[in-house]
C-alpha cells in the first residue's frame, strides 16, 4: 500500500502540481504526510524484540 501511496503522490505532482487536491485536501503536502503513516506499527516493534536476549 505504501508503494501505491508513493506512486499516487508522484502522479499527482506530475498532473496537478502543488495545487489543492481534487478531493479537497491540501494536495501533495497531504499525500507526503500520508507516506509517513504505517499500519500496525506495533508489528515493527515486536520484530525488534523477537530473538533479542532476555533482560535480567
Protein backbone atom coordinates (compact mmCIF):
# COMPACT_ATOMS: atom_id res chain seq x y z
CA UNK A 1 0.00 0.00 0.00
CA UNK A 2 2.92 2.33 0.69
CA UNK A 3 4.15 1.83 -2.86
CA UNK A 4 0.70 2.80 -4.17
CA UNK A 5 0.72 5.92 -1.97
CA UNK A 6 4.14 6.91 -3.30
CA UNK A 7 3.15 6.36 -6.93
CA UNK A 8 -0.10 8.26 -6.38
CA UNK A 9 1.78 11.21 -4.86
CA UNK A 10 4.22 11.30 -7.79
CA UNK A 11 1.35 11.14 -10.28
CA UNK A 12 -0.43 13.99 -8.51
CA UNK A 13 2.77 16.04 -8.62
CA UNK A 14 3.03 15.50 -12.38
CA UNK A 15 -0.64 16.09 -13.17
CA UNK A 16 -1.84 18.88 -10.86
CA UNK A 17 1.41 20.05 -9.28
CA UNK A 18 1.16 21.66 -5.86
CA UNK A 19 -2.43 22.89 -6.24
CA UNK A 20 -5.21 21.93 -3.87
CA UNK A 21 -6.17 18.26 -4.10
CA UNK A 22 -9.13 17.19 -6.18
CA UNK A 23 -10.78 15.71 -3.08
CA UNK A 24 -10.41 18.99 -1.20
CA UNK A 25 -7.19 18.02 0.60
CA UNK A 26 -4.10 20.19 0.72
CA UNK A 27 -2.73 18.20 -2.22
CA UNK A 28 0.82 16.88 -2.42
CA UNK A 29 1.61 18.00 1.13
CA UNK A 30 -1.20 15.84 2.45
CA UNK A 31 -0.02 12.87 0.41
CA UNK A 32 3.56 13.28 1.64
CA UNK A 33 2.31 13.17 5.23
CA UNK A 34 0.32 10.04 4.44
CA UNK A 35 3.54 8.32 3.34
CA UNK A 36 4.84 8.61 6.90
CA UNK A 37 1.86 6.68 8.29
CA UNK A 38 2.17 2.95 8.73
CA UNK A 39 -0.38 0.31 9.56
CA UNK A 40 0.16 -1.67 12.76
CA UNK A 41 3.40 -0.02 13.98
CA UNK A 42 3.34 -2.48 16.90
CA UNK A 43 4.35 -5.24 14.50
CA UNK A 44 7.58 -3.42 13.67
CA UNK A 45 8.32 -3.01 17.39
CA UNK A 46 7.72 -6.71 18.06
CA UNK A 47 10.06 -7.69 15.23
CA UNK A 48 12.86 -5.90 17.04
CA UNK A 49 12.13 -7.78 20.25
CA UNK A 50 11.91 -11.25 18.68
CA UNK A 51 15.19 -13.07 19.09
CA UNK A 52 16.67 -10.42 21.38
CA UNK A 53 18.37 -11.76 24.51
CA UNK A 54 16.12 -11.81 27.56
CA UNK A 55 16.64 -8.96 30.00
CA UNK A 56 17.57 -9.96 33.53
